[in-house]
Amino acid sequence: MRVKICGITTLRDALHAVACGADALGFVFYNQSPRYITPEAAKRIIDQLPPFVERVGLFVNEGVETIDTVCRYSDISLAQIHFEVDEELLDAIALKTLPVVRAQKPEDVHRFSNRYRLVDAYCEAYGGSGKRLNLEWFDGVDCSKIILAGGLNPENISEVKKYGFYGVDISSGVESIKGKKDPKKVERFIAHAKSI
């Protein structure tokens, strides 16, 4: 199972997550988030990352031009679109995109079923709330293109393995304070996610 550590704000957190086996790092370009990072600060971190690490930029309520500009400047490799969009807008973005489904009911997990997508629990704020989805919503669902987010932590990650998710995404579940990762939690979470 692939692992994305989201809400990266420091080089130390980024390099530690990669050393522990993270497949992707998330950078939040949403200035109302406690995990917000400027494109300049993200670029400084990304410039020092080893190769083969996916660099994900998280965007909320931004236009195509802004998303493209920030991604190009910061060397983001995947744009995570954390607001209501349609296929047309996703296709207009120059970079590969990852739509986010903020699920409120079981049927929501089927949105964008032809694409890889991130499925998170709905909340008024965007991301990092620690709110958990009802795992029963995924019973009998093909989860091979779903990245699960919301309410995950080192203790409960083993519960989701049987569903065959493409990956998992975590932010608040491995933090010491908002925007700063707890090295031990990161290490434990990745180890548990990747153990068979």
C-alpha atoms as a PDB file:
ATOM      1  CA  MET A   1       0.000   0.000   0.000  1.00  0.00           C
ATOM      2  CA  ARG A   2       1.352   3.400  -0.976  1.00  0.00           C
ATOM      3  CA  VAL A   3       1.649   6.126   1.637  1.00  0.00           C
ATOM      4  CA  LYS A   4       1.379   9.889   1.323  1.00  0.00           C
ATOM      5  CA  ILE A   5       2.406  12.086   4.246  1.00  0.00           C
ATOM      6  CA  CYS A   6       0.537  15.364   3.807  1.00  0.00           C
ATOM      7  CA  GLY A   7       0.973  18.804   5.334  1.00  0.00           C
ATOM      8  CA  ILE A   8       4.768  18.897   5.012  1.00  0.00           C
ATOM      9  CA  THR A   9       6.181  22.247   6.165  1.00  0.00           C
ATOM     10  CA  THR A  10       9.854  21.517   6.917  1.00  0.00           C
ATOM     11  CA  LEU A  11      12.753  19.844   5.138  1.00  0.00           C
ATOM     12  CA  ARG A  12      13.407  17.728   8.216  1.00  0.00           C
ATOM     13  CA  ASP A  13       9.862  16.282   8.172  1.00  0.00           C
ATOM     14  CA  ALA A  14      10.103  15.694   4.420  1.00  0.00           C
ATOM     15  CA  LEU A  15      13.413  13.843   4.513  1.00  0.00           C
ATOM     16  CA  HIS A  16      12.389  11.790   7.541  1.00  0.00           C
ATOM     17  CA  ALA A  17       9.140  10.680   5.857  1.00  0.00           C
ATOM     18  CA  VAL A  18      11.042   9.666   2.715  1.00  0.00           C
ATOM     19  CA  ALA A  19      13.657   7.795   4.772  1.00  0.00           C
ATOM     20  CA  CYS A  20      10.811   5.882   6.461  1.00  0.00           C
ATOM     21  CA  GLY A  21       9.430   4.842   3.065  1.00  0.00           C
ATOM     22  CA  ALA A  22       6.812   7.473   2.150  1.00  0.00           C
ATOM     23  CA  ASP A  23       5.897   7.306  -1.542  1.00  0.00           C
ATOM     24  CA  ALA A  24       4.516  10.851  -1.694  1.00  0.00           C
ATOM     25  CA  LEU A  25       4.669  14.121   0.225  1.00  0.00           C
ATOM     26  CA  GLY A  26       1.837  16.634   0.316  1.00  0.00           C
ATOM     27  CA  PHE A  27       2.258  20.420   0.278  1.00  0.00           C
ATOM     28  CA  VAL A  28      -0.795  22.498   1.233  1.00  0.00           C
ATOM     29  CA  PHE A  29      -1.178  25.639  -0.898  1.00  0.00           C
ATOM     30  CA  TYR A  30      -4.313  26.763   0.941  1.00  0.00           C
ATOM     31  CA  ASN A  31      -3.564  29.802   3.051  1.00  0.00           C
ATOM     32  CA  GLN A  32      -6.333  29.161   5.598  1.00  0.00           C
ATOM     33  CA  SER A  33      -4.782  25.851   6.634  1.00  0.00           C
ATOM     34  CA  PRO A  34      -2.452  25.586   9.657  1.00  0.00           C
ATOM     35  CA  ARG A  35      -0.293  23.450   7.329  1.00  0.00           C
ATOM     36  CA  TYR A  36      -0.060  26.130   4.644  1.00  0.00           C
ATOM     37  CA  ILE A  37       3.261  26.467   2.855  1.00  0.00           C
ATOM     38  CA  THR A  38       4.250  29.119   0.331  1.00  0.00           C
ATOM     39  CA  PRO A  39       5.289  27.966  -3.148  1.00  0.00           C
ATOM     40  CA  GLU A  40       8.774  29.368  -2.425  1.00  0.00           C
ATOM     41  CA  ALA A  41       9.172  27.366   0.801  1.00  0.00           C
ATOM     42  CA  ALA A  42       7.818  24.226  -0.875  1.00  0.00           C
ATOM     43  CA  LYS A  43      10.304  24.649  -3.729  1.00  0.00           C
ATOM     44  CA  ARG A  44      13.212  24.914  -1.258  1.00  0.00           C
ATOM     45  CA  ILE A  45      12.187  21.579   0.273  1.00  0.00           C
ATOM     46  CA  ILE A  46      11.404  19.863  -3.045  1.00  0.00           C
ATOM     47  CA  ASP A  47      14.758  20.911  -4.528  1.00  0.00           C
ATOM     48  CA  GLN A  48      16.475  18.808  -1.838  1.00  0.00           C
ATOM     49  CA  LEU A  49      14.357  15.668  -2.134  1.00  0.00           C
ATOM     50  CA  PRO A  50      15.763  12.479  -3.640  1.00  0.00           C
ATOM     51  CA  PRO A  51      14.334  11.299  -6.993  1.00  0.00           C
ATOM     52  CA  PHE A  52      11.246   9.059  -7.341  1.00  0.00           C
ATOM     53  CA  VAL A  53       9.261  10.827  -4.599  1.00  0.00           C
ATOM     54  CA  GLU A  54       5.824  12.066  -5.708  1.00  0.00           C
ATOM     55  CA  ARG A  55       5.361  15.765  -4.848  1.00  0.00           C
ATOM     56  CA  VAL A  56       1.683  16.557  -4.363  1.00  0.00           C
ATOM     57  CA  GLY A  57       0.314  20.099  -4.264  1.00  0.00           C
ATOM     58  CA  LEU A  58      -3.050  20.512  -2.493  1.00  0.00           C
ATOM     59  CA  PHE A  59      -5.308  23.258  -3.840  1.00  0.00           C
ATOM     60  CA  VAL A  60      -8.622  24.662  -2.598  1.00  0.00           C
ATOM     61  CA  ASN A  61     -10.789  26.966  -4.744  1.00  0.00           C
ATOM     62  CA  GLU A  62      -8.046  28.009  -7.159  1.00  0.00           C
ATOM     63  CA  GLY A  63      -8.252  28.564 -10.901  1.00  0.00           C
ATOM     64  CA  VAL A  64      -6.467  26.447 -13.499  1.00  0.00           C
ATOM     65  CA  GLU A  65      -3.880  29.153 -14.225  1.00  0.00           C
ATOM     66  CA  THR A  66      -2.895  29.510 -10.554  1.00  0.00           C
ATOM     67  CA  ILE A  67      -2.649  25.746 -10.093  1.00  0.00           C
ATOM     68  CA  ASP A  68      -0.484  25.369 -13.198  1.00  0.00           C
ATOM     69  CA  THR A  69       1.781  28.281 -12.228  1.00  0.00           C
ATOM     70  CA  VAL A  70       2.362  27.119  -8.639  1.00  0.00           C
ATOM     71  CA  CYS A  71       2.984  23.513  -9.716  1.00  0.00           C
ATOM     72  CA  ARG A  72       5.463  24.511 -12.397  1.00  0.00           C
ATOM     73  CA  TYR A  73       7.347  26.885 -10.089  1.00  0.00           C
ATOM     74  CA  SER A  74       7.505  24.491  -7.103  1.00  0.00           C
ATOM     75  CA  ASP A  75       8.198  21.350  -9.174  1.00  0.00           C
ATOM     76  CA  ILE A  76       5.000  19.673  -7.997  1.00  0.00           C
ATOM     77  CA  SER A  77       4.349  16.372  -9.791  1.00  0.00           C
ATOM     78  CA  LEU A  78       0.634  15.891  -8.971  1.00  0.00           C
ATOM     79  CA  ALA A  79      -2.143  18.410  -8.269  1.00  0.00           C
ATOM     80  CA  GLN A  80      -4.622  17.363  -5.559  1.00  0.00           C
ATOM     81  CA  ILE A  81      -7.887  19.191  -6.187  1.00  0.00           C
ATOM     82  CA  HIS A  82      -9.623  19.555  -2.829  1.00  0.00           C
ATOM     83  CA  PHE A  83     -12.827  21.284  -3.947  1.00  0.00           C
ATOM     84  CA  GLU A  84     -15.874  20.552  -6.111  1.00  0.00           C
ATOM     85  CA  VAL A  85     -14.768  20.077  -9.718  1.00  0.00           C
ATOM     86  CA  ASP A  86     -15.894  18.308 -12.870  1.00  0.00           C
ATOM     87  CA  GLU A  87     -13.970  16.217 -15.377  1.00  0.00           C
ATOM     88  CA  GLU A  88     -13.578  19.219 -17.676  1.00  0.00           C
ATOM     89  CA  LEU A  89     -11.695  21.287 -15.101  1.00  0.00           C
ATOM     90  CA  LEU A  90      -9.495  18.343 -14.151  1.00  0.00           C
ATOM     91  CA  ASP A  91      -8.582  17.849 -17.814  1.00  0.00           C
ATOM     92  CA  ALA A  92      -7.775  21.557 -18.215  1.00  0.00           C
ATOM     93  CA  ILE A  93      -4.998  21.405 -15.610  1.00  0.00           C
ATOM     94  CA  ALA A  94      -1.621  20.807 -17.265  1.00  0.00           C
ATOM     95  CA  LEU A  95      -0.428  18.375 -14.614  1.00  0.00           C
ATOM     96  CA  LYS A  96      -1.801  14.977 -13.628  1.00  0.00           C
ATOM     97  CA  THR A  97      -4.577  15.543 -11.089  1.00  0.00           C
ATOM     98  CA  LEU A  98      -5.998  13.768  -8.066  1.00  0.00           C
ATOM     99  CA  PRO A  99      -9.607  14.776  -7.346  1.00  0.00           C
ATOM    100  CA  VAL A 100     -10.731  14.655  -3.713  1.00  0.00           C
ATOM    101  CA  VAL A 101     -14.136  13.229  -2.834  1.00  0.00           C
ATOM    102  CA  ARG A 102     -15.368  14.609   0.484  1.00  0.00           C
ATOM    103  CA  ALA A 103     -17.771  11.774   1.195  1.00  0.00           C
ATOM    104  CA  GLN A 104     -21.021  12.426   3.093  1.00  0.00           C
ATOM    105  CA  LYS A 105     -22.876   9.253   2.075  1.00  0.00           C
ATOM    106  CA  PRO A 106     -21.958   5.763   0.784  1.00  0.00           C
ATOM    107  CA  GLU A 107     -22.693   6.613  -2.888  1.00  0.00           C
ATOM    108  CA  ASP A 108     -20.052   9.371  -2.806  1.00  0.00           C
ATOM    109  CA  VAL A 109     -17.202   6.851  -2.805  1.00  0.00           C
ATOM    110  CA  HIS A 110     -18.119   6.011  -6.422  1.00  0.00           C
ATOM    111  CA  ARG A 111     -17.515   9.573  -7.714  1.00  0.00           C
ATOM    112  CA  PHE A 112     -14.711   9.754 -10.304  1.00  0.00           C
ATOM    113  CA  SER A 113     -14.642   5.931 -10.304  1.00  0.00           C
ATOM    114  CA  ASN A 114     -12.801   5.971 -13.650  1.00  0.00           C
ATOM    115  CA  ARG A 115      -9.929   7.953 -12.079  1.00  0.00           C
ATOM    116  CA  TYR A 116      -7.544   7.575  -9.193  1.00  0.00           C
ATOM    117  CA  ARG A 117      -9.089   9.694  -6.443  1.00  0.00           C
ATOM    118  CA  LEU A 118      -8.660  10.523  -2.792  1.00  0.00           C
ATOM    119  CA  VAL A 119     -11.675   9.811  -0.587  1.00  0.00           C
ATOM    120  CA  ASP A 120     -11.881  11.783   2.656  1.00  0.00           C
ATOM    121  CA  ALA A 121     -14.525  12.329   5.316  1.00  0.00           C
ATOM    122  CA  TYR A 122     -16.586  15.441   4.700  1.00  0.00           C
ATOM    123  CA  CYS A 123     -16.013  18.378   7.040  1.00  0.00           C
ATOM    124  CA  GLU A 124     -16.505  22.136   6.727  1.00  0.00           C
ATOM    125  CA  ALA A 125     -12.747  22.745   6.773  1.00  0.00           C
ATOM    126  CA  TYR A 126     -10.525  21.282   4.067  1.00  0.00           C
ATOM    127  CA  GLY A 127      -8.301  18.411   5.166  1.00  0.00           C
ATOM    128  CA  GLY A 128      -6.446  17.432   8.323  1.00  0.00           C
ATOM    129  CA  SER A 129      -9.534  17.258  10.538  1.00  0.00           C
ATOM    130  CA  GLY A 130      -8.891  13.725  11.799  1.00  0.00           C
ATOM    131  CA  LYS A 131     -12.517  12.834  11.013  1.00  0.00           C
ATOM    132  CA  ARG A 132     -12.962   9.217   9.996  1.00  0.00           C
ATOM    133  CA  LEU A 133     -15.036   7.625   7.237  1.00  0.00           C
ATOM    134  CA  ASN A 134     -17.300   4.645   7.829  1.00  0.00           C
ATOM    135  CA  LEU A 135     -15.246   1.761   6.420  1.00  0.00           C
ATOM    136  CA  GLU A 136     -18.438  -0.225   5.720  1.00  0.00           C
ATOM    137  CA  TRP A 137     -19.029   2.148   2.806  1.00  0.00           C
ATOM    138  CA  PHE A 138     -16.193   0.348   1.009  1.00  0.00           C
ATOM    139  CA  ASP A 139     -17.578  -3.178   1.426  1.00  0.00           C
ATOM    140  CA  GLY A 140     -17.811  -4.723  -2.045  1.00  0.00           C
ATOM    141  CA  VAL A 141     -16.287  -1.632  -3.709  1.00  0.00           C
ATOM    142  CA  ASP A 142     -13.280  -1.820  -6.053  1.00  0.00           C
ATOM    143  CA  CYS A 143     -10.832   0.282  -4.024  1.00  0.00           C
ATOM    144  CA  SER A 144      -7.835  -0.200  -6.334  1.00  0.00           C
ATOM    145  CA  LYS A 145      -8.032   3.439  -7.502  1.00  0.00           C
ATOM    146  CA  ILE A 146      -8.885   4.937  -4.107  1.00  0.00           C
ATOM    147  CA  ILE A 147      -6.491   6.680  -1.731  1.00  0.00           C
ATOM    148  CA  LEU A 148      -8.118   6.712   1.699  1.00  0.00           C
ATOM    149  CA  ALA A 149      -7.776   9.731   3.986  1.00  0.00           C
ATOM    150  CA  GLY A 150      -9.388  10.882   7.199  1.00  0.00           C
ATOM    151  CA  GLY A 151      -8.906   9.759  10.778  1.00  0.00           C
ATOM    152  CA  LEU A 152      -6.033   7.370  10.109  1.00  0.00           C
ATOM    153  CA  ASN A 153      -3.244   6.803  12.624  1.00  0.00           C
ATOM    154  CA  PRO A 154      -0.550   4.206  13.405  1.00  0.00           C
ATOM    155  CA  GLU A 155      -2.987   2.251  15.598  1.00  0.00           C
ATOM    156  CA  ASN A 156      -5.877   1.842  13.136  1.00  0.00           C
ATOM    157  CA  ILE A 157      -4.104   1.580   9.772  1.00  0.00           C
ATOM    158  CA  SER A 158      -4.203  -2.240   9.869  1.00  0.00           C
ATOM    159  CA  GLU A 159      -8.036  -2.116   9.777  1.00  0.00           C
ATOM    160  CA  VAL A 160      -8.098  -0.724   6.236  1.00  0.00           C
ATOM    161  CA  LYS A 161      -5.742  -3.206   4.577  1.00  0.00           C
ATOM    162  CA  LYS A 162      -8.374  -5.770   3.645  1.00  0.00           C
ATOM    163  CA  TYR A 163     -10.095  -3.292   1.304  1.00  0.00           C
ATOM    164  CA  GLY A 164      -7.195  -3.148  -1.154  1.00  0.00           C
ATOM    165  CA  PHE A 165      -6.865   0.645  -1.327  1.00  0.00           C
ATOM    166  CA  TYR A 166      -4.281   1.964  -3.765  1.00  0.00           C
ATOM    167  CA  GLY A 167      -2.899   4.071  -0.937  1.00  0.00           C
ATOM    168  CA  VAL A 168      -3.483   6.024   2.244  1.00  0.00           C
ATOM    169  CA  ASP A 169      -3.007   9.695   3.026  1.00  0.00           C
ATOM    170  CA  ILE A 170      -2.298  11.014   6.520  1.00  0.00           C
ATOM    171  CA  SER A 171      -1.674  14.418   8.045  1.00  0.00           C
ATOM    172  CA  SER A 172      -3.018  15.113  11.553  1.00  0.00           C
ATOM    173  CA  GLY A 173      -2.658  11.450  12.619  1.00  0.00           C
ATOM    174  CA  VAL A 174       1.154  11.713  12.616  1.00  0.00           C
ATOM    175  CA  GLU A 175       1.564  15.244  13.994  1.00  0.00           C
ATOM    176  CA  SER A 176       2.949  16.496  17.293  1.00  0.00           C
ATOM    177  CA  ILE A 177       1.313  19.892  16.638  1.00  0.00           C
ATOM    178  CA  LYS A 178      -0.488  21.155  13.529  1.00  0.00           C
ATOM    179  CA  GLY A 179       2.050  21.430  10.724  1.00  0.00           C
ATOM    180  CA  LYS A 180       4.836  19.532  12.514  1.00  0.00           C
ATOM    181  CA  LYS A 181       5.231  15.773  12.239  1.00  0.00           C
ATOM    182  CA  ASP A 182       6.027  13.411  15.088  1.00  0.00           C
ATOM    183  CA  PRO A 183       8.967  11.327  13.764  1.00  0.00           C
ATOM    184  CA  LYS A 184       8.016   8.206  15.727  1.00  0.00           C
ATOM    185  CA  LYS A 185       4.368   8.329  14.590  1.00  0.00           C
ATOM    186  CA  VAL A 186       5.454   8.771  10.959  1.00  0.00           C
ATOM    187  CA  GLU A 187       7.809   5.828  11.234  1.00  0.00           C
ATOM    188  CA  ARG A 188       5.202   3.591  12.873  1.00  0.00           C
ATOM    189  CA  PHE A 189       2.438   4.564  10.478  1.00  0.00           C
ATOM    190  CA  ILE A 190       4.497   3.832   7.346  1.00  0.00           C
ATOM    191  CA  ALA A 191       5.844   0.572   8.772  1.00  0.00           C
ATOM    192  CA  HIS A 192       2.317  -0.645   9.627  1.00  0.00           C
ATOM    193  CA  ALA A 193       0.883   0.476   6.271  1.00  0.00           C
ATOM    194  CA  LYS A 194       3.563  -1.352   4.312  1.00  0.00           C
ATOM    195  CA  SER A 195       3.705  -4.548   6.374  1.00  0.00           C
ATOM    196  CA  ILE A 196       1.850  -7.482   4.817  1.00  0.00           C
END
